[in-house]
Amino acid sequence: MLDVLSFEVLALLCLVAGLAGFVDAIAGGGGLLTIPALIWAGLPPVQALATNKLQGTFGTLSSSITFFRMGRIQLREISLAVVLTFIGSATGTVLVQYLPAGFLVNMIPWLLVLVAIYTVFSPRMGDEDRHQRIGRASFAFVVGFSVGFYDGFFGPGTGSFFGIAFVALLGYNLTRATAHAKVLNLTSNAASLLFFALGGKVLWSVGLVMGAGQMLGAWLGSHMVIRNGSRIVRPILFIVSVAMAIKVYVSS
């Protein structure tokens, strides 16, 4: 496939991946840019989804490492959520090859609109931690598994859903929520990539080229979050959520 795509197309895909990595590190939703770009480049839909997981893994790895080095991630707090997210994503990736995704497509625009509304009107989404609503074990089973399953099965907005869940259920401030959401998103990407790879669906050359752009964009985006907190996360999360809702609604 690398031989089929021109240098210009690969360079454009790398640039798109860089922008997607930047947005994804801040608010999630980078797949809104990369999946259409891969399909535009001529990849079949299933291979586009699989290759998107490869390049997305580079982005979430880069931002996770940055947040961890800055002391914004406590892995012990989310260790069970990591395990359940991996299981959920693996399950979703296997099942997506056999079950129709139409019912999920119809739900996603409404879920994303709710994310946008919550982002604008919730006083809980700021730079201060709030009251925790559920225990971490419950969070792991309810959010880790279900959102991980969703990412393996369908995908758009996974980082946004993880981030909102950390704020709404565990009371994390936006910067802390974004940092921990990247770890769970990295987990779901890696699990999905593993099972797509076992099925021979990943175009490695294209994904690795895009991965370089993803890593740079994610590094820049994660530093932007650390410096600006909710001032940058809230508006971008709102814009990404509305854009994804419109995109999925029009596509469906």
C-alpha atoms as a PDB file:
ATOM      1  CA  MET A   1       0.000   0.000   0.000  1.00  0.00           C
ATOM      2  CA  LEU A   2       2.924   2.343   0.669  1.00  0.00           C
ATOM      3  CA  ASP A   3       3.972   1.905  -2.958  1.00  0.00           C
ATOM      4  CA  VAL A   4       0.463   2.774  -4.176  1.00  0.00           C
ATOM      5  CA  LEU A   5       0.161   6.036  -2.245  1.00  0.00           C
ATOM      6  CA  SER A   6       2.188   8.956  -3.513  1.00  0.00           C
ATOM      7  CA  PHE A   7       4.619  10.880  -1.344  1.00  0.00           C
ATOM      8  CA  GLU A   8       2.246  13.844  -1.401  1.00  0.00           C
ATOM      9  CA  VAL A   9      -0.669  11.758  -0.104  1.00  0.00           C
ATOM     10  CA  LEU A  10       1.460  10.225   2.650  1.00  0.00           C
ATOM     11  CA  ALA A  11       2.703  13.675   3.659  1.00  0.00           C
ATOM     12  CA  LEU A  12      -0.876  14.953   3.823  1.00  0.00           C
ATOM     13  CA  LEU A  13      -1.924  11.959   5.932  1.00  0.00           C
ATOM     14  CA  CYS A  14       0.970  12.674   8.287  1.00  0.00           C
ATOM     15  CA  LEU A  15      -0.127  16.317   8.632  1.00  0.00           C
ATOM     16  CA  VAL A  16      -3.734  15.293   9.275  1.00  0.00           C
ATOM     17  CA  ALA A  17      -2.536  12.814  11.888  1.00  0.00           C
ATOM     18  CA  GLY A  18      -0.523  15.556  13.589  1.00  0.00           C
ATOM     19  CA  LEU A  19      -3.578  17.817  13.817  1.00  0.00           C
ATOM     20  CA  ALA A  20      -5.674  14.881  15.019  1.00  0.00           C
ATOM     21  CA  GLY A  21      -3.092  14.040  17.680  1.00  0.00           C
ATOM     22  CA  PHE A  22      -3.132  17.632  18.921  1.00  0.00           C
ATOM     23  CA  VAL A  23      -6.948  17.710  19.174  1.00  0.00           C
ATOM     24  CA  ASP A  24      -7.136  14.205  20.614  1.00  0.00           C
ATOM     25  CA  ALA A  25      -4.663  14.992  23.399  1.00  0.00           C
ATOM     26  CA  ILE A  26      -6.835  17.913  24.477  1.00  0.00           C
ATOM     27  CA  ALA A  27     -10.393  16.663  24.079  1.00  0.00           C
ATOM     28  CA  GLY A  28     -10.545  13.414  22.091  1.00  0.00           C
ATOM     29  CA  GLY A  29     -12.169  13.022  18.675  1.00  0.00           C
ATOM     30  CA  GLY A  30      -9.061  12.857  16.502  1.00  0.00           C
ATOM     31  CA  GLY A  31     -10.588   9.990  14.552  1.00  0.00           C
ATOM     32  CA  LEU A  32     -13.051  12.491  13.107  1.00  0.00           C
ATOM     33  CA  LEU A  33     -10.129  13.725  11.011  1.00  0.00           C
ATOM     34  CA  THR A  34      -8.040  10.608  10.398  1.00  0.00           C
ATOM     35  CA  ILE A  35     -10.685   8.059   9.408  1.00  0.00           C
ATOM     36  CA  PRO A  36     -12.131  10.209   6.578  1.00  0.00           C
ATOM     37  CA  ALA A  37      -8.574  11.010   5.459  1.00  0.00           C
ATOM     38  CA  LEU A  38      -7.671   7.324   5.257  1.00  0.00           C
ATOM     39  CA  ILE A  39     -10.835   6.512   3.306  1.00  0.00           C
ATOM     40  CA  TRP A  40     -10.146   9.478   1.003  1.00  0.00           C
ATOM     41  CA  ALA A  41      -6.668   8.031   0.384  1.00  0.00           C
ATOM     42  CA  GLY A  42      -8.308   4.867  -0.943  1.00  0.00           C
ATOM     43  CA  LEU A  43      -8.233   2.461   2.002  1.00  0.00           C
ATOM     44  CA  PRO A  44     -11.227   0.127   2.378  1.00  0.00           C
ATOM     45  CA  PRO A  45     -13.346   0.992   5.450  1.00  0.00           C
ATOM     46  CA  VAL A  46     -12.245  -1.928   7.636  1.00  0.00           C
ATOM     47  CA  GLN A  47      -8.583  -1.330   6.843  1.00  0.00           C
ATOM     48  CA  ALA A  48      -9.076   2.384   7.495  1.00  0.00           C
ATOM     49  CA  LEU A  49     -10.452   1.609  10.961  1.00  0.00           C
ATOM     50  CA  ALA A  50      -7.644  -0.839  11.701  1.00  0.00           C
ATOM     51  CA  THR A  51      -4.885   1.475  10.442  1.00  0.00           C
ATOM     52  CA  ASN A  52      -6.434   4.330  12.385  1.00  0.00           C
ATOM     53  CA  LYS A  53      -5.948   2.291  15.556  1.00  0.00           C
ATOM     54  CA  LEU A  54      -2.246   1.938  14.757  1.00  0.00           C
ATOM     55  CA  GLN A  55      -1.617   5.636  14.243  1.00  0.00           C
ATOM     56  CA  GLY A  56      -3.927   6.541  17.133  1.00  0.00           C
ATOM     57  CA  THR A  57      -1.935   4.324  19.468  1.00  0.00           C
ATOM     58  CA  PHE A  58       1.150   6.452  18.805  1.00  0.00           C
ATOM     59  CA  GLY A  59      -0.787   9.586  19.730  1.00  0.00           C
ATOM     60  CA  THR A  60      -2.263   8.291  22.955  1.00  0.00           C
ATOM     61  CA  LEU A  61       1.115   6.784  23.914  1.00  0.00           C
ATOM     62  CA  SER A  62       2.848  10.128  23.379  1.00  0.00           C
ATOM     63  CA  SER A  63       0.315  12.142  25.391  1.00  0.00           C
ATOM     64  CA  SER A  64       0.181   9.491  28.150  1.00  0.00           C
ATOM     65  CA  ILE A  65       3.962   9.586  28.553  1.00  0.00           C
ATOM     66  CA  THR A  66       3.916  13.389  28.675  1.00  0.00           C
ATOM     67  CA  PHE A  67       1.186  13.503  31.324  1.00  0.00           C
ATOM     68  CA  PHE A  68       2.944  10.792  33.330  1.00  0.00           C
ATOM     69  CA  ARG A  69       6.278  12.616  33.289  1.00  0.00           C
ATOM     70  CA  MET A  70       4.505  15.761  34.453  1.00  0.00           C
ATOM     71  CA  GLY A  71       3.103  13.854  37.440  1.00  0.00           C
ATOM     72  CA  ARG A  72      -0.523  14.102  36.278  1.00  0.00           C
ATOM     73  CA  ILE A  73      -1.248  10.348  36.216  1.00  0.00           C
ATOM     74  CA  GLN A  74      -1.661   7.974  39.156  1.00  0.00           C
ATOM     75  CA  LEU A  75      -1.684   4.525  37.586  1.00  0.00           C
ATOM     76  CA  ARG A  76      -2.668   2.770  40.822  1.00  0.00           C
ATOM     77  CA  GLU A  77      -5.980   4.647  40.801  1.00  0.00           C
ATOM     78  CA  ILE A  78      -6.977   3.282  37.398  1.00  0.00           C
ATOM     79  CA  SER A  79      -5.234  -0.097  37.275  1.00  0.00           C
ATOM     80  CA  LEU A  80      -8.509  -2.053  37.350  1.00  0.00           C
ATOM     81  CA  ALA A  81     -10.037   0.312  34.788  1.00  0.00           C
ATOM     82  CA  VAL A  82      -7.078  -0.385  32.476  1.00  0.00           C
ATOM     83  CA  VAL A  83      -7.707  -4.140  32.691  1.00  0.00           C
ATOM     84  CA  LEU A  84     -11.456  -3.803  32.083  1.00  0.00           C
ATOM     85  CA  THR A  85     -10.907  -1.346  29.248  1.00  0.00           C
ATOM     86  CA  PHE A  86      -8.575  -3.787  27.517  1.00  0.00           C
ATOM     87  CA  ILE A  87     -11.108  -6.616  27.855  1.00  0.00           C
ATOM     88  CA  GLY A  88     -13.959  -4.412  26.662  1.00  0.00           C
ATOM     89  CA  SER A  89     -12.066  -3.131  23.630  1.00  0.00           C
ATOM     90  CA  ALA A  90     -10.898  -6.599  22.643  1.00  0.00           C
ATOM     91  CA  THR A  91     -14.464  -7.884  22.892  1.00  0.00           C
ATOM     92  CA  GLY A  92     -15.819  -5.030  20.797  1.00  0.00           C
ATOM     93  CA  THR A  93     -13.145  -5.465  18.113  1.00  0.00           C
ATOM     94  CA  VAL A  94     -13.932  -9.163  17.745  1.00  0.00           C
ATOM     95  CA  LEU A  95     -17.704  -8.650  17.672  1.00  0.00           C
ATOM     96  CA  VAL A  96     -17.647  -5.766  15.190  1.00  0.00           C
ATOM     97  CA  GLN A  97     -16.668  -8.260  12.526  1.00  0.00           C
ATOM     98  CA  TYR A  98     -19.899 -10.183  13.055  1.00  0.00           C
ATOM     99  CA  LEU A  99     -22.583  -7.795  14.337  1.00  0.00           C
ATOM    100  CA  PRO A 100     -24.249  -4.830  12.589  1.00  0.00           C
ATOM    101  CA  ALA A 101     -23.171  -1.460  13.959  1.00  0.00           C
ATOM    102  CA  GLY A 102     -26.274   0.404  12.765  1.00  0.00           C
ATOM    103  CA  PHE A 103     -27.906   0.647  16.163  1.00  0.00           C
ATOM    104  CA  LEU A 104     -24.790   2.282  17.619  1.00  0.00           C
ATOM    105  CA  VAL A 105     -24.562   4.737  14.715  1.00  0.00           C
ATOM    106  CA  ASN A 106     -28.027   6.033  15.567  1.00  0.00           C
ATOM    107  CA  MET A 107     -27.116   6.533  19.227  1.00  0.00           C
ATOM    108  CA  ILE A 108     -23.807   8.330  18.827  1.00  0.00           C
ATOM    109  CA  PRO A 109     -25.027  11.782  17.673  1.00  0.00           C
ATOM    110  CA  TRP A 110     -27.272  12.065  20.739  1.00  0.00           C
ATOM    111  CA  LEU A 111     -24.515  10.934  23.090  1.00  0.00           C
ATOM    112  CA  LEU A 112     -22.149  13.513  21.639  1.00  0.00           C
ATOM    113  CA  VAL A 113     -24.732  16.286  21.926  1.00  0.00           C
ATOM    114  CA  LEU A 114     -25.119  15.384  25.614  1.00  0.00           C
ATOM    115  CA  VAL A 115     -21.334  15.618  26.012  1.00  0.00           C
ATOM    116  CA  ALA A 116     -21.398  19.099  24.458  1.00  0.00           C
ATOM    117  CA  ILE A 117     -24.267  20.259  26.700  1.00  0.00           C
ATOM    118  CA  TYR A 118     -22.582  18.869  29.803  1.00  0.00           C
ATOM    119  CA  THR A 119     -19.340  20.602  28.834  1.00  0.00           C
ATOM    120  CA  VAL A 120     -21.011  24.014  28.585  1.00  0.00           C
ATOM    121  CA  PHE A 121     -23.356  23.945  31.566  1.00  0.00           C
ATOM    122  CA  SER A 122     -21.678  21.763  34.172  1.00  0.00           C
ATOM    123  CA  PRO A 123     -19.972  23.751  36.928  1.00  0.00           C
ATOM    124  CA  ARG A 124     -18.044  20.571  37.802  1.00  0.00           C
ATOM    125  CA  MET A 125     -15.850  20.841  34.705  1.00  0.00           C
ATOM    126  CA  GLY A 126     -13.057  23.079  35.906  1.00  0.00           C
ATOM    127  CA  ASP A 127      -9.587  23.059  37.398  1.00  0.00           C
ATOM    128  CA  GLU A 128     -10.650  21.812  40.834  1.00  0.00           C
ATOM    129  CA  ASP A 129     -11.477  18.245  41.872  1.00  0.00           C
ATOM    130  CA  ARG A 130     -15.107  17.666  42.879  1.00  0.00           C
ATOM    131  CA  HIS A 131     -17.103  15.107  44.853  1.00  0.00           C
ATOM    132  CA  GLN A 132     -16.606  11.490  43.807  1.00  0.00           C
ATOM    133  CA  ARG A 133     -19.918   9.814  42.916  1.00  0.00           C
ATOM    134  CA  ILE A 134     -18.914   6.142  42.556  1.00  0.00           C
ATOM    135  CA  GLY A 135     -16.035   3.923  43.647  1.00  0.00           C
ATOM    136  CA  ARG A 136     -13.085   3.198  41.387  1.00  0.00           C
ATOM    137  CA  ALA A 137     -14.041  -0.479  41.065  1.00  0.00           C
ATOM    138  CA  SER A 138     -17.541   0.459  39.887  1.00  0.00           C
ATOM    139  CA  PHE A 139     -16.020   2.993  37.512  1.00  0.00           C
ATOM    140  CA  ALA A 140     -13.759   0.304  36.054  1.00  0.00           C
ATOM    141  CA  PHE A 141     -16.645  -2.084  35.363  1.00  0.00           C
ATOM    142  CA  VAL A 142     -19.192   0.494  34.201  1.00  0.00           C
ATOM    143  CA  VAL A 143     -16.994   2.921  32.248  1.00  0.00           C
ATOM    144  CA  GLY A 144     -13.790   1.007  31.545  1.00  0.00           C
ATOM    145  CA  PHE A 145     -15.483  -2.027  30.018  1.00  0.00           C
ATOM    146  CA  SER A 146     -18.369  -0.255  28.264  1.00  0.00           C
ATOM    147  CA  VAL A 147     -16.386   2.607  26.702  1.00  0.00           C
ATOM    148  CA  GLY A 148     -13.582   0.177  25.859  1.00  0.00           C
ATOM    149  CA  PHE A 149     -16.147  -2.046  24.134  1.00  0.00           C
ATOM    150  CA  TYR A 150     -17.499   0.978  22.282  1.00  0.00           C
ATOM    151  CA  ASP A 151     -14.025   1.932  21.086  1.00  0.00           C
ATOM    152  CA  GLY A 152     -13.370  -1.549  19.771  1.00  0.00           C
ATOM    153  CA  PHE A 153     -16.796  -1.766  18.168  1.00  0.00           C
ATOM    154  CA  PHE A 154     -17.198   1.726  16.716  1.00  0.00           C
ATOM    155  CA  GLY A 155     -14.843   4.407  18.046  1.00  0.00           C
ATOM    156  CA  PRO A 156     -15.580   8.129  17.505  1.00  0.00           C
ATOM    157  CA  GLY A 157     -15.365  10.217  20.668  1.00  0.00           C
ATOM    158  CA  THR A 158     -13.849   7.583  22.956  1.00  0.00           C
ATOM    159  CA  GLY A 159     -11.415  10.038  24.554  1.00  0.00           C
ATOM    160  CA  SER A 160     -14.238  12.507  25.151  1.00  0.00           C
ATOM    161  CA  PHE A 161     -16.400   9.851  26.806  1.00  0.00           C
ATOM    162  CA  PHE A 162     -13.561   8.747  29.086  1.00  0.00           C
ATOM    163  CA  GLY A 163     -12.797  12.339  30.041  1.00  0.00           C
ATOM    164  CA  ILE A 164     -16.420  13.210  30.819  1.00  0.00           C
ATOM    165  CA  ALA A 165     -16.766  10.026  32.899  1.00  0.00           C
ATOM    166  CA  PHE A 166     -13.737  10.916  35.021  1.00  0.00           C
ATOM    167  CA  VAL A 167     -15.218  14.359  35.701  1.00  0.00           C
ATOM    168  CA  ALA A 168     -18.831  13.328  36.250  1.00  0.00           C
ATOM    169  CA  LEU A 169     -18.281  10.112  38.217  1.00  0.00           C
ATOM    170  CA  LEU A 170     -14.892  10.382  39.929  1.00  0.00           C
ATOM    171  CA  GLY A 171     -14.890  14.164  40.379  1.00  0.00           C
ATOM    172  CA  TYR A 172     -11.572  14.748  38.609  1.00  0.00           C
ATOM    173  CA  ASN A 173     -10.714  18.244  37.407  1.00  0.00           C
ATOM    174  CA  LEU A 174     -10.431  18.607  33.632  1.00  0.00           C
ATOM    175  CA  THR A 175      -6.647  18.395  33.402  1.00  0.00           C
ATOM    176  CA  ARG A 176      -6.509  15.316  35.616  1.00  0.00           C
ATOM    177  CA  ALA A 177      -9.441  13.751  33.756  1.00  0.00           C
ATOM    178  CA  THR A 178      -7.834  14.376  30.374  1.00  0.00           C
ATOM    179  CA  ALA A 179      -4.550  12.834  31.524  1.00  0.00           C
ATOM    180  CA  HIS A 180      -6.155   9.648  32.864  1.00  0.00           C
ATOM    181  CA  ALA A 181      -8.498   9.420  29.872  1.00  0.00           C
ATOM    182  CA  LYS A 182      -5.424   9.196  27.622  1.00  0.00           C
ATOM    183  CA  VAL A 183      -4.210   6.108  29.497  1.00  0.00           C
ATOM    184  CA  LEU A 184      -7.542   4.319  29.067  1.00  0.00           C
ATOM    185  CA  ASN A 185      -7.740   5.432  25.439  1.00  0.00           C
ATOM    186  CA  LEU A 186      -4.224   4.080  24.891  1.00  0.00           C
ATOM    187  CA  THR A 187      -5.353   0.789  26.406  1.00  0.00           C
ATOM    188  CA  SER A 188      -8.438   0.521  24.194  1.00  0.00           C
ATOM    189  CA  ASN A 189      -6.421   1.473  21.092  1.00  0.00           C
ATOM    190  CA  ALA A 190      -3.743  -1.115  21.849  1.00  0.00           C
ATOM    191  CA  ALA A 191      -6.273  -3.897  22.471  1.00  0.00           C
ATOM    192  CA  SER A 192      -8.204  -3.095  19.311  1.00  0.00           C
ATOM    193  CA  LEU A 193      -4.985  -2.840  17.287  1.00  0.00           C
ATOM    194  CA  LEU A 194      -3.878  -6.258  18.537  1.00  0.00           C
ATOM    195  CA  PHE A 195      -7.039  -7.987  17.376  1.00  0.00           C
ATOM    196  CA  PHE A 196      -7.205  -6.081  14.080  1.00  0.00           C
ATOM    197  CA  ALA A 197      -3.584  -7.095  13.474  1.00  0.00           C
ATOM    198  CA  LEU A 198      -4.399 -10.735  14.196  1.00  0.00           C
ATOM    199  CA  GLY A 199      -7.078 -10.438  11.523  1.00  0.00           C
ATOM    200  CA  GLY A 200      -4.578  -9.004   9.030  1.00  0.00           C
ATOM    201  CA  LYS A 201      -6.448  -5.713   8.647  1.00  0.00           C
ATOM    202  CA  VAL A 202      -3.686  -3.212   9.512  1.00  0.00           C
ATOM    203  CA  LEU A 203      -1.709  -1.390   6.804  1.00  0.00           C
ATOM    204  CA  TRP A 204       1.464  -0.970   8.811  1.00  0.00           C
ATOM    205  CA  SER A 205       3.433   1.308   6.501  1.00  0.00           C
ATOM    206  CA  VAL A 206       0.663   3.910   6.266  1.00  0.00           C
ATOM    207  CA  GLY A 207      -0.087   3.705   9.973  1.00  0.00           C
ATOM    208  CA  LEU A 208       3.562   4.161  10.946  1.00  0.00           C
ATOM    209  CA  VAL A 209       3.929   7.235   8.738  1.00  0.00           C
ATOM    210  CA  MET A 210       0.831   8.765  10.312  1.00  0.00           C
ATOM    211  CA  GLY A 211       2.029   7.681  13.740  1.00  0.00           C
ATOM    212  CA  ALA A 212       4.987  10.054  13.466  1.00  0.00           C
ATOM    213  CA  GLY A 213       2.616  12.977  12.983  1.00  0.00           C
ATOM    214  CA  GLN A 214       0.365  11.737  15.778  1.00  0.00           C
ATOM    215  CA  MET A 215       3.205  11.646  18.284  1.00  0.00           C
ATOM    216  CA  LEU A 216       4.251  15.234  17.587  1.00  0.00           C
ATOM    217  CA  GLY A 217       0.684  16.553  17.664  1.00  0.00           C
ATOM    218  CA  ALA A 218      -0.143  14.674  20.858  1.00  0.00           C
ATOM    219  CA  TRP A 219       3.013  15.990  22.551  1.00  0.00           C
ATOM    220  CA  LEU A 220       2.066  19.558  21.705  1.00  0.00           C
ATOM    221  CA  GLY A 221      -1.564  19.056  22.738  1.00  0.00           C
ATOM    222  CA  SER A 222      -0.763  17.484  26.101  1.00  0.00           C
ATOM    223  CA  HIS A 223       1.579  20.358  26.972  1.00  0.00           C
ATOM    224  CA  MET A 224      -1.191  22.768  26.003  1.00  0.00           C
ATOM    225  CA  VAL A 225      -3.537  21.058  28.481  1.00  0.00           C
ATOM    226  CA  ILE A 226      -0.970  21.224  31.290  1.00  0.00           C
ATOM    227  CA  ARG A 227      -0.369  24.936  30.711  1.00  0.00           C
ATOM    228  CA  ASN A 228      -3.973  26.062  30.199  1.00  0.00           C
ATOM    229  CA  GLY A 229      -6.214  23.522  31.991  1.00  0.00           C
ATOM    230  CA  SER A 230      -9.972  23.941  31.537  1.00  0.00           C
ATOM    231  CA  ARG A 231      -9.543  27.180  29.558  1.00  0.00           C
ATOM    232  CA  ILE A 232      -8.399  25.146  26.559  1.00  0.00           C
ATOM    233  CA  VAL A 233     -10.128  21.809  27.248  1.00  0.00           C
ATOM    234  CA  ARG A 234     -13.715  23.053  27.672  1.00  0.00           C
ATOM    235  CA  PRO A 235     -14.079  24.933  24.362  1.00  0.00           C
ATOM    236  CA  ILE A 236     -12.268  22.300  22.303  1.00  0.00           C
ATOM    237  CA  LEU A 237     -14.241  19.476  23.935  1.00  0.00           C
ATOM    238  CA  PHE A 238     -17.460  21.326  23.087  1.00  0.00           C
ATOM    239  CA  ILE A 239     -16.418  21.963  19.473  1.00  0.00           C
ATOM    240  CA  VAL A 240     -15.231  18.384  18.952  1.00  0.00           C
ATOM    241  CA  SER A 241     -18.412  16.908  20.459  1.00  0.00           C
ATOM    242  CA  VAL A 242     -20.719  19.026  18.279  1.00  0.00           C
ATOM    243  CA  ALA A 243     -18.624  18.386  15.161  1.00  0.00           C
ATOM    244  CA  MET A 244     -18.653  14.621  15.741  1.00  0.00           C
ATOM    245  CA  ALA A 245     -22.404  14.651  16.387  1.00  0.00           C
ATOM    246  CA  ILE A 246     -23.024  16.452  13.095  1.00  0.00           C
ATOM    247  CA  LYS A 247     -20.583  14.236  11.221  1.00  0.00           C
ATOM    248  CA  VAL A 248     -22.066  10.962  12.482  1.00  0.00           C
ATOM    249  CA  TYR A 249     -25.651  12.182  12.013  1.00  0.00           C
ATOM    250  CA  VAL A 250     -25.001  13.229   8.394  1.00  0.00           C
ATOM    251  CA  SER A 251     -23.173   9.969   7.670  1.00  0.00           C
ATOM    252  CA  SER A 252     -26.046   7.928   9.088  1.00  0.00           C
END
